[in-house]
Amino acid sequence: MTHPGFVLFDLDGTLIRPGAPVQRLHMATMAAAIADVCGVAEEFRYEGGQLFYAGIDLAGFTDAGTVHAALRHHGVPAGRLPQLTRQVMDALAARIGGSTADGDTGVGDLLPGCRALLEALRGHGCPLGMSTGNARSVARWKMRRTGLADLLHDGGFGDGARDRDDVVAAGVAALGGHGPGVLVGDTAKDVTAAHASGLPCLAVATGATPPDELRAAGADAVVADLGGSAALDAVLRLLTPVASTEGVR
């Protein structure tokens, strides 16, 4: 069966509500993992749906990038940053792996319309994947907890990549690396990373970035949310060869 193209989804702010319990548990677990390794950590803070650590705006950061920035803030010497970042990421995976907060108890953490959109795209034959700054173990735990594990499993993750471009490139490779594709995300970094891999981006204004800023970043289409038919229509339009070629800026 010939599919119209693959679709990659960001998670936090795109499928999962900003500041939702599942995201807060993720960040609390990361703070504990940072403390495991360097003996000190600050709390992650939310303001208007935006996430901060010690005053650092973390919009579009990967987990590895967040840990790297946190360790720098705590004075870890540059020469030790790669090793300690890996240690924190290992501690994060171990803590998430041992979490008892699993099942579909986080279904209410999802933004409206996301499961219906995923199911509709699968019905059109589109391979689906993730393009997320979350570590692989964290992303899959979130999918189990929110009841989306049957729809999203593979993709690009933020275990080692600090650059969103690398995350998207890994997601493209995971879904076959050929044919038309679209990335759905909620930040300007999602837009620019999609374009770096030759993909158009459907930006959804459910995160902290206003629609005008998403358009200014070069989003090929912008929708208010993933509910209704607008998001599905936009994805299918961007998957056509003409739209994909003309839409990338």
Protein backbone atom coordinates (compact mmCIF):
# COMPACT_ATOMS: atom_id res chain seq x y z
CA MET A 1 0.00 0.00 0.00
CA THR A 2 1.36 3.39 -0.99
CA HIS A 3 1.02 5.87 1.84
CA PRO A 4 0.71 9.64 1.35
CA GLY A 5 3.72 10.28 3.59
CA PHE A 6 4.95 10.05 7.16
CA VAL A 7 4.13 12.42 10.01
CA LEU A 8 6.39 13.24 12.98
CA PHE A 9 4.95 14.73 16.15
CA ASP A 10 6.54 16.76 18.89
CA LEU A 11 5.14 15.82 22.31
CA ASP A 12 5.15 18.53 25.00
CA GLY A 13 3.00 21.48 23.96
CA THR A 14 1.86 19.67 20.81
CA LEU A 15 0.19 16.47 22.03
CA ILE A 16 0.62 16.98 25.78
CA ARG A 17 -0.67 20.04 27.63
CA PRO A 18 2.11 22.40 28.78
CA GLY A 19 2.67 21.89 32.48
CA ALA A 20 0.51 18.75 32.58
CA PRO A 21 1.13 16.33 35.47
CA VAL A 22 2.99 13.89 33.21
CA GLN A 23 5.38 16.66 32.13
CA ARG A 24 5.84 17.90 35.69
CA LEU A 25 6.69 14.37 36.81
CA HIS A 26 9.18 14.12 33.95
CA MET A 27 10.94 17.32 35.04
CA ALA A 28 10.86 16.44 38.75
CA THR A 29 12.48 13.11 37.86
CA MET A 30 15.12 14.92 35.82
CA ALA A 31 15.85 17.26 38.74
CA ALA A 32 16.30 14.21 40.97
CA ALA A 33 18.63 12.64 38.39
CA ILE A 34 20.70 15.85 38.28
CA ALA A 35 20.94 15.75 42.08
CA ASP A 36 21.95 12.07 41.93
CA VAL A 37 25.00 12.99 39.87
CA CYS A 38 26.10 16.44 41.01
CA GLY A 39 24.53 16.61 44.47
CA VAL A 40 22.43 19.70 43.82
CA ALA A 41 19.49 20.68 41.62
CA GLU A 42 16.91 23.42 41.35
CA GLU A 43 13.21 22.95 40.67
CA PHE A 44 11.91 23.38 37.15
CA ARG A 45 9.47 26.28 37.02
CA TYR A 46 6.47 26.95 34.78
CA GLU A 47 5.32 30.42 33.77
CA GLY A 48 2.41 30.77 31.35
CA GLY A 49 3.02 27.28 30.01
CA GLN A 50 6.73 27.98 29.50
CA LEU A 51 9.39 25.93 31.28
CA PHE A 52 12.46 27.40 33.01
CA TYR A 53 15.43 26.09 34.98
CA ALA A 54 17.41 28.66 36.96
CA GLY A 55 16.09 31.38 34.65
CA ILE A 56 16.97 29.46 31.47
CA ASP A 57 14.11 29.39 28.95
CA LEU A 58 13.88 25.73 27.90
CA ALA A 59 11.52 26.09 24.91
CA GLY A 60 12.65 23.63 22.26
CA PHE A 61 15.45 22.17 24.43
CA THR A 62 16.12 18.45 24.31
CA ASP A 63 16.54 16.47 27.53
CA ALA A 64 20.27 16.19 26.87
CA GLY A 65 20.44 19.93 26.17
CA THR A 66 18.51 20.72 29.35
CA VAL A 67 20.82 18.56 31.46
CA HIS A 68 23.89 20.10 29.83
CA ALA A 69 22.59 23.63 30.56
CA ALA A 70 21.73 22.71 34.16
CA LEU A 71 25.17 21.23 34.81
CA ARG A 72 26.83 24.33 33.36
CA HIS A 73 24.68 26.45 35.66
CA HIS A 74 25.90 24.41 38.62
CA GLY A 75 29.52 25.03 37.68
CA VAL A 76 30.49 21.68 36.20
CA PRO A 77 33.78 22.15 34.29
CA ALA A 78 33.46 22.01 30.50
CA GLY A 79 35.72 18.97 30.29
CA ARG A 80 33.40 16.94 32.50
CA LEU A 81 30.11 18.01 30.90
CA PRO A 82 29.82 15.19 28.30
CA GLN A 83 30.48 12.43 30.85
CA LEU A 84 28.21 13.87 33.55
CA THR A 85 25.45 14.61 31.05
CA ARG A 86 25.47 10.94 30.05
CA GLN A 87 25.39 9.92 33.71
CA VAL A 88 22.37 12.14 34.39
CA MET A 89 20.59 10.77 31.31
CA ASP A 90 21.26 7.21 32.52
CA ALA A 91 19.92 8.13 35.97
CA LEU A 92 16.82 9.68 34.38
CA ALA A 93 16.16 6.53 32.35
CA ALA A 94 16.60 4.36 35.45
CA ARG A 95 14.23 6.48 37.52
CA ILE A 96 11.58 6.61 34.77
CA GLY A 97 11.98 2.88 34.19
CA GLY A 98 11.28 2.27 37.86
CA SER A 99 8.27 4.58 37.98
CA THR A 100 4.98 3.05 39.07
CA ALA A 101 3.04 5.88 37.39
CA ASP A 102 2.18 3.99 34.22
CA GLY A 103 -0.90 2.76 32.41
CA ASP A 104 -3.30 5.27 30.88
CA THR A 105 -3.73 7.42 33.99
CA GLY A 106 -2.47 10.47 32.08
CA VAL A 107 -5.08 10.51 29.30
CA GLY A 108 -6.32 13.84 30.67
CA ASP A 109 -2.86 15.30 30.04
CA LEU A 110 -3.46 15.17 26.28
CA LEU A 111 -4.48 18.23 24.31
CA PRO A 112 -7.91 18.06 22.63
CA GLY A 113 -8.14 16.25 19.32
CA CYS A 114 -4.70 14.67 19.26
CA ARG A 115 -5.75 11.01 19.44
CA ALA A 116 -8.46 11.52 16.82
CA LEU A 117 -5.90 13.16 14.51
CA LEU A 118 -3.39 10.33 14.99
CA GLU A 119 -6.06 7.71 14.31
CA ALA A 120 -7.27 9.58 11.21
CA LEU A 121 -3.74 9.81 9.82
CA ARG A 122 -3.16 6.13 10.47
CA GLY A 123 -6.43 5.48 8.65
CA HIS A 124 -4.96 7.33 5.66
CA GLY A 125 -1.97 4.98 5.79
CA CYS A 126 0.54 7.50 7.16
CA PRO A 127 3.44 6.08 9.20
CA LEU A 128 3.54 8.01 12.49
CA GLY A 129 6.48 8.81 14.73
CA MET A 130 7.83 11.16 17.36
CA SER A 131 10.26 14.04 16.99
CA THR A 132 10.77 15.04 20.58
CA GLY A 133 13.40 16.44 22.85
CA ASN A 134 12.36 13.84 25.42
CA ALA A 135 14.73 10.96 26.03
CA ARG A 136 13.52 7.76 24.36
CA SER A 137 12.63 6.12 27.69
CA VAL A 138 10.72 9.22 28.81
CA ALA A 139 8.83 9.59 25.52
CA ARG A 140 7.71 5.96 25.51
CA TRP A 141 6.71 6.19 29.17
CA LYS A 142 4.60 9.27 28.35
CA MET A 143 2.95 7.43 25.46
CA ARG A 144 2.05 4.51 27.73
CA ARG A 145 0.79 6.84 30.43
CA THR A 146 -1.36 8.90 28.05
CA GLY A 147 -2.69 5.90 26.12
CA LEU A 148 -0.93 6.69 22.82
CA ALA A 149 1.61 3.85 22.84
CA ASP A 150 -0.42 1.97 20.23
CA LEU A 151 0.01 4.89 17.83
CA LEU A 152 3.48 6.31 18.54
CA HIS A 153 6.61 4.30 19.31
CA ASP A 154 9.59 5.16 17.08
CA GLY A 155 11.14 8.43 15.97
CA GLY A 156 13.83 10.89 16.96
CA PHE A 157 14.63 11.52 20.63
CA GLY A 158 16.69 13.79 22.85
CA ASP A 159 18.91 11.27 24.64
CA GLY A 160 22.18 12.43 23.13
CA ALA A 161 21.17 15.16 20.72
CA ARG A 162 21.24 18.74 21.97
CA ASP A 163 20.22 20.14 18.59
CA ARG A 164 16.62 19.84 17.36
CA ASP A 165 17.90 19.44 13.80
CA ASP A 166 19.53 16.15 14.82
CA VAL A 167 16.34 14.97 16.55
CA VAL A 168 14.25 15.53 13.42
CA ALA A 169 16.87 13.90 11.19
CA ALA A 170 16.79 10.83 13.45
CA GLY A 171 13.00 10.76 13.26
CA VAL A 172 13.10 10.88 9.46
CA ALA A 173 15.60 8.01 9.41
CA ALA A 174 13.49 5.96 11.85
CA LEU A 175 10.48 6.20 9.54
CA GLY A 176 12.36 5.12 6.46
CA GLY A 177 14.11 8.30 5.40
CA HIS A 178 12.27 8.63 2.11
CA GLY A 179 9.03 9.95 0.69
CA PRO A 180 7.16 13.08 1.71
CA GLY A 181 6.77 13.90 5.36
CA VAL A 182 5.47 16.57 7.74
CA LEU A 183 6.48 17.59 11.23
CA VAL A 184 3.83 18.82 13.68
CA GLY A 185 5.20 21.00 16.49
CA ASP A 186 4.54 24.02 18.66
CA THR A 187 7.80 26.01 18.75
CA ALA A 188 9.92 28.02 16.34
CA LYS A 189 12.69 25.45 16.83
CA ASP A 190 10.33 22.74 15.56
CA VAL A 191 9.77 24.82 12.42
CA THR A 192 13.45 25.46 11.67
CA ALA A 193 14.45 21.87 12.49
CA ALA A 194 11.77 20.52 10.15
CA HIS A 195 13.03 22.72 7.34
CA ALA A 196 16.63 21.64 8.00
CA SER A 197 15.51 18.08 7.16
CA GLY A 198 13.53 19.23 4.13
CA LEU A 199 10.13 18.81 5.79
CA PRO A 200 7.27 21.28 5.94
CA CYS A 201 6.00 22.07 9.42
CA LEU A 202 2.45 22.33 10.66
CA ALA A 203 2.70 24.55 13.73
CA VAL A 204 0.06 24.28 16.42
CA ALA A 205 -0.49 27.21 18.78
CA THR A 206 -1.10 25.10 21.88
CA GLY A 207 2.32 25.76 23.40
CA ALA A 208 3.81 29.03 24.61
CA THR A 209 4.63 30.41 21.13
CA PRO A 210 1.97 32.74 19.65
CA PRO A 211 0.70 32.09 16.11
CA ASP A 212 2.38 35.22 14.71
CA GLU A 213 5.79 34.05 15.96
CA LEU A 214 5.24 30.61 14.46
CA ARG A 215 4.42 32.20 11.10
CA ALA A 216 7.44 34.50 11.38
CA ALA A 217 9.62 31.43 11.97
CA GLY A 218 8.44 30.08 8.61
CA ALA A 219 5.71 27.61 9.57
CA ASP A 220 4.08 26.25 6.43
CA ALA A 221 0.68 26.23 8.12
CA VAL A 222 -0.55 27.23 11.58
CA VAL A 223 -3.61 25.88 13.40
CA ALA A 224 -5.03 26.85 16.77
CA ASP A 225 -5.18 23.23 17.97
CA LEU A 226 -5.37 19.66 16.72
CA GLY A 227 -9.14 19.35 17.09
CA GLY A 228 -11.65 19.40 14.25
CA SER A 229 -10.73 18.93 10.61
CA ALA A 230 -8.31 21.85 10.14
CA ALA A 231 -5.21 20.01 11.38
CA LEU A 232 -5.93 16.84 9.39
CA ASP A 233 -6.62 18.84 6.22
CA ALA A 234 -3.41 20.83 6.71
CA VAL A 235 -1.25 17.73 7.19
CA LEU A 236 -2.66 15.99 4.13
CA ARG A 237 -2.21 19.14 2.05
CA LEU A 238 1.42 19.51 3.15
CA LEU A 239 2.09 15.87 2.30
CA THR A 240 1.38 16.43 -1.39
CA PRO A 241 4.63 16.79 -3.38
CA VAL A 242 3.78 20.28 -4.64
CA ALA A 243 2.89 21.60 -1.19
CA SER A 244 5.94 19.99 0.38
CA THR A 245 8.25 21.53 -2.21
CA GLU A 246 6.74 24.98 -2.20
CA GLY A 247 6.11 25.14 1.53
CA VAL A 248 9.67 24.66 2.76
CA ARG A 249 11.33 28.02 3.32
